[in-house]
Amino acid sequence: MTGVRFAVLRHAPTAWNASRRLQGMTDIPLSADGEAVARSWRLPAPARDWRRVCSPLERARRTAELLSPTAPAVIEPRLREMSFGLWEGRSVAELRATIGASFLEAEQRGLDFQPPGGETPRATMLRLSDWASAVAADGHPVVAISHKAAIRALLALATGWDMTGPPPVKLDWRRLHYFVALGGGSLAVDRLNVEMESV
């Protein structure tokens, strides 16, 4: 398989992660636990020698900073989280309980799921495809610190998953996921759920 490899890592935990609330574009910082987790992580080979890029949101920037204090990450806006619009700050369980059938119907739209005032997974996938195309054109492997819905969009792009059923692979959000940028915005899976090294 030709192409340029990249690795992607979800940011370390926040208080909203602990309470299972949708964060989206709400700029939530890492929790104390998240800071400790990020400090304990070390990238495995070969990713430890790759340049770093990250989402502009604070939780991703801080994870990148703690992960590699001597090699600052470059901010990449296309790595931002999917916007959940008016649903940010609420949990999926709460939305299912309060909105009911309309929320379940929205979930069944897969790539076209769209929170009110928010973004669809398909739109997220398109901007990440544009970013992957730039990685392929640049020719240098990178490590990207991003977000859960964004990484799910990368998985959909690489596998053809339409998000209407379970993902083809269950992703561990404290592990590293390797993909290959093939050019033209297309991707392939390389290795998923690669364990981080610890201090």
Protein backbone atom coordinates (compact mmCIF):
# COMPACT_ATOMS: atom_id res chain seq x y z
CA MET A 1 0.00 0.00 0.00
CA THR A 2 1.47 3.34 -1.04
CA GLY A 3 0.63 6.58 0.68
CA VAL A 4 1.61 8.56 3.75
CA ARG A 5 0.99 7.19 7.21
CA PHE A 6 -0.45 9.27 10.00
CA ALA A 7 -1.55 8.51 13.54
CA VAL A 8 -4.45 10.06 15.39
CA LEU A 9 -5.07 10.27 19.12
CA ARG A 10 -8.10 11.54 20.98
CA HIS A 11 -7.36 14.25 23.54
CA ALA A 12 -7.04 13.22 27.21
CA PRO A 13 -10.18 13.29 29.40
CA THR A 14 -12.22 16.32 30.46
CA ALA A 15 -14.89 16.75 33.13
CA TRP A 16 -17.52 16.59 30.38
CA ASN A 17 -16.12 13.25 29.21
CA ALA A 18 -16.54 11.95 32.77
CA SER A 19 -20.18 13.07 32.82
CA ARG A 20 -20.71 11.80 29.25
CA ARG A 21 -21.76 15.19 27.89
CA LEU A 22 -21.41 16.14 24.22
CA GLN A 23 -18.55 18.64 23.92
CA GLY A 24 -18.37 19.46 20.23
CA MET A 25 -17.00 22.94 19.73
CA THR A 26 -17.47 23.94 23.39
CA ASP A 27 -13.91 24.65 24.51
CA ILE A 28 -13.68 22.48 27.62
CA PRO A 29 -10.22 22.13 29.25
CA LEU A 30 -8.67 18.87 30.42
CA SER A 31 -9.68 17.75 33.90
CA ALA A 32 -7.05 17.06 36.57
CA ASP A 33 -7.34 13.39 35.62
CA GLY A 34 -6.90 14.32 31.97
CA GLU A 35 -3.75 16.29 32.73
CA ALA A 36 -2.33 13.29 34.60
CA VAL A 37 -3.24 10.91 31.77
CA ALA A 38 -1.63 13.13 29.12
CA ARG A 39 1.54 13.47 31.22
CA SER A 40 1.74 9.68 31.52
CA TRP A 41 1.51 9.04 27.76
CA ARG A 42 4.46 8.51 25.45
CA LEU A 43 4.03 7.90 21.74
CA PRO A 44 5.20 4.49 20.50
CA ALA A 45 7.55 4.08 17.55
CA PRO A 46 7.43 5.14 14.77
CA ALA A 47 4.99 7.91 15.70
CA ARG A 48 7.25 9.35 18.40
CA ASP A 49 9.50 10.78 15.68
CA TRP A 50 6.74 12.29 13.53
CA ARG A 51 5.77 15.93 13.59
CA ARG A 52 2.67 16.87 15.59
CA VAL A 53 -0.52 18.64 14.60
CA CYS A 54 -3.60 19.26 16.71
CA SER A 55 -7.11 20.63 16.79
CA PRO A 56 -7.39 24.29 17.86
CA LEU A 57 -9.60 23.35 20.85
CA GLU A 58 -7.90 23.68 24.23
CA ARG A 59 -8.32 20.05 25.28
CA ALA A 60 -6.44 18.88 22.18
CA ARG A 61 -3.79 21.62 22.35
CA ARG A 62 -3.07 20.88 26.01
CA THR A 63 -2.85 17.14 25.33
CA ALA A 64 -0.34 17.84 22.55
CA GLU A 65 1.66 20.13 24.84
CA LEU A 66 1.84 17.57 27.66
CA LEU A 67 2.55 14.73 25.29
CA SER A 68 5.53 16.46 23.74
CA PRO A 69 6.69 19.56 25.65
CA THR A 70 9.83 19.99 23.52
CA ALA A 71 8.13 19.68 20.12
CA PRO A 72 5.20 22.11 19.84
CA ALA A 73 2.28 20.96 17.71
CA VAL A 74 1.03 22.94 14.73
CA ILE A 75 -2.64 23.98 14.99
CA GLU A 76 -4.77 22.43 12.24
CA PRO A 77 -8.37 23.77 12.18
CA ARG A 78 -9.65 20.83 10.10
CA LEU A 79 -8.93 18.50 13.06
CA ARG A 80 -11.54 20.25 15.24
CA GLU A 81 -14.43 18.31 16.72
CA MET A 82 -17.79 17.98 14.99
CA SER A 83 -20.18 20.68 16.19
CA PHE A 84 -23.15 19.34 18.16
CA GLY A 85 -24.88 22.73 18.08
CA LEU A 86 -27.66 23.17 20.63
CA TRP A 87 -27.04 19.69 22.07
CA GLU A 88 -23.58 20.54 23.42
CA GLY A 89 -23.40 20.14 27.19
CA ARG A 90 -26.11 17.46 27.24
CA SER A 91 -25.65 13.69 27.40
CA VAL A 92 -27.00 11.27 24.81
CA ALA A 93 -29.00 9.56 27.57
CA GLU A 94 -30.60 12.90 28.49
CA LEU A 95 -31.41 13.68 24.86
CA ARG A 96 -32.98 10.26 24.33
CA ALA A 97 -35.08 10.76 27.46
CA THR A 98 -36.19 14.34 26.77
CA ILE A 99 -36.43 14.50 22.97
CA GLY A 100 -37.41 10.87 22.49
CA ALA A 101 -38.40 9.67 19.04
CA SER A 102 -37.00 12.68 17.17
CA PHE A 103 -33.54 12.08 18.66
CA LEU A 104 -33.70 8.36 17.79
CA GLU A 105 -34.72 9.29 14.25
CA ALA A 106 -31.80 11.73 14.00
CA GLU A 107 -29.37 8.99 15.17
CA GLN A 108 -30.62 6.66 12.43
CA ARG A 109 -29.54 9.11 9.72
CA GLY A 110 -25.92 7.96 10.09
CA LEU A 111 -23.60 10.25 8.17
CA ASP A 112 -26.44 12.77 7.80
CA PHE A 113 -27.18 12.97 11.54
CA GLN A 114 -27.39 16.68 12.31
CA PRO A 115 -27.96 18.29 15.72
CA PRO A 116 -29.88 21.58 15.58
CA GLY A 117 -27.35 24.27 14.71
CA GLY A 118 -24.61 21.63 14.39
CA GLU A 119 -22.62 19.75 11.80
CA THR A 120 -23.17 16.36 10.14
CA PRO A 121 -20.61 13.52 10.29
CA ARG A 122 -20.55 13.75 6.47
CA ALA A 123 -19.40 17.40 6.63
CA THR A 124 -16.81 16.46 9.25
CA MET A 125 -15.62 13.63 7.02
CA LEU A 126 -15.26 15.99 4.04
CA ARG A 127 -13.04 18.47 5.88
CA LEU A 128 -10.92 15.60 7.26
CA SER A 129 -10.65 14.17 3.75
CA ASP A 130 -9.32 17.56 2.64
CA TRP A 131 -6.77 17.45 5.48
CA ALA A 132 -5.73 13.87 4.60
CA SER A 133 -5.23 14.95 0.99
CA ALA A 134 -2.85 17.67 2.22
CA VAL A 135 -0.95 15.08 4.33
CA ALA A 136 -0.56 12.85 1.27
CA ALA A 137 0.64 15.78 -0.87
CA ASP A 138 3.11 16.90 1.81
CA GLY A 139 4.61 13.41 2.00
CA HIS A 140 5.55 13.51 5.69
CA PRO A 141 3.92 11.35 8.39
CA VAL A 142 2.24 13.17 11.28
CA VAL A 143 0.60 12.54 14.63
CA ALA A 144 -2.74 14.33 14.99
CA ILE A 145 -4.42 15.06 18.34
CA SER A 146 -8.13 15.34 17.66
CA HIS A 147 -11.57 14.29 18.97
CA LYS A 148 -13.93 11.31 19.18
CA ALA A 149 -16.46 12.26 16.48
CA ALA A 150 -13.65 13.44 14.18
CA ILE A 151 -11.80 10.13 14.57
CA ARG A 152 -15.05 8.23 13.93
CA ALA A 153 -15.37 10.27 10.72
CA LEU A 154 -11.85 9.19 9.71
CA LEU A 155 -12.82 5.56 10.36
CA ALA A 156 -15.93 6.01 8.20
CA LEU A 157 -13.84 7.55 5.43
CA ALA A 158 -11.33 4.69 5.54
CA THR A 159 -13.82 1.82 5.75
CA GLY A 160 -16.99 2.98 4.02
CA TRP A 161 -18.94 2.73 7.30
CA ASP A 162 -22.15 4.77 6.96
CA MET A 163 -22.64 5.17 10.74
CA THR A 164 -26.08 3.54 10.68
CA GLY A 165 -24.89 0.54 12.68
CA PRO A 166 -22.01 -0.40 14.97
CA PRO A 167 -18.53 0.67 13.81
CA PRO A 168 -16.49 -1.98 11.96
CA VAL A 169 -13.91 -1.79 14.78
CA LYS A 170 -14.43 -0.67 18.36
CA LEU A 171 -11.95 2.14 19.01
CA ASP A 172 -10.21 2.52 22.36
CA TRP A 173 -10.08 6.26 23.06
CA ARG A 174 -6.84 6.02 25.07
CA ARG A 175 -4.93 4.38 22.23
CA LEU A 176 -3.35 5.51 18.98
CA HIS A 177 -4.89 4.81 15.56
CA TYR A 178 -2.82 4.62 12.37
CA PHE A 179 -4.19 5.37 8.91
CA VAL A 180 -2.69 5.84 5.44
CA ALA A 181 -3.49 8.96 3.41
CA LEU A 182 -3.66 7.71 -0.19
CA GLY A 183 -4.15 10.99 -2.04
CA GLY A 184 -7.29 12.58 -3.36
CA GLY A 185 -8.69 12.58 0.17
CA SER A 186 -9.01 8.79 0.42
CA LEU A 187 -7.76 6.79 3.40
CA ALA A 188 -7.00 3.24 4.44
CA VAL A 189 -6.74 1.74 7.90
CA ASP A 190 -3.21 0.77 8.91
CA ARG A 191 -3.38 -0.31 12.60
CA LEU A 192 -5.96 0.62 15.20
CA ASN A 193 -5.91 0.57 19.01
CA VAL A 194 -2.13 0.71 19.38
CA GLU A 195 -1.20 1.03 23.03
CA MET A 196 0.51 4.19 24.18
CA GLU A 197 3.73 3.85 26.12
CA SER A 198 3.79 5.16 29.67
CA VAL A 199 6.30 7.09 31.75
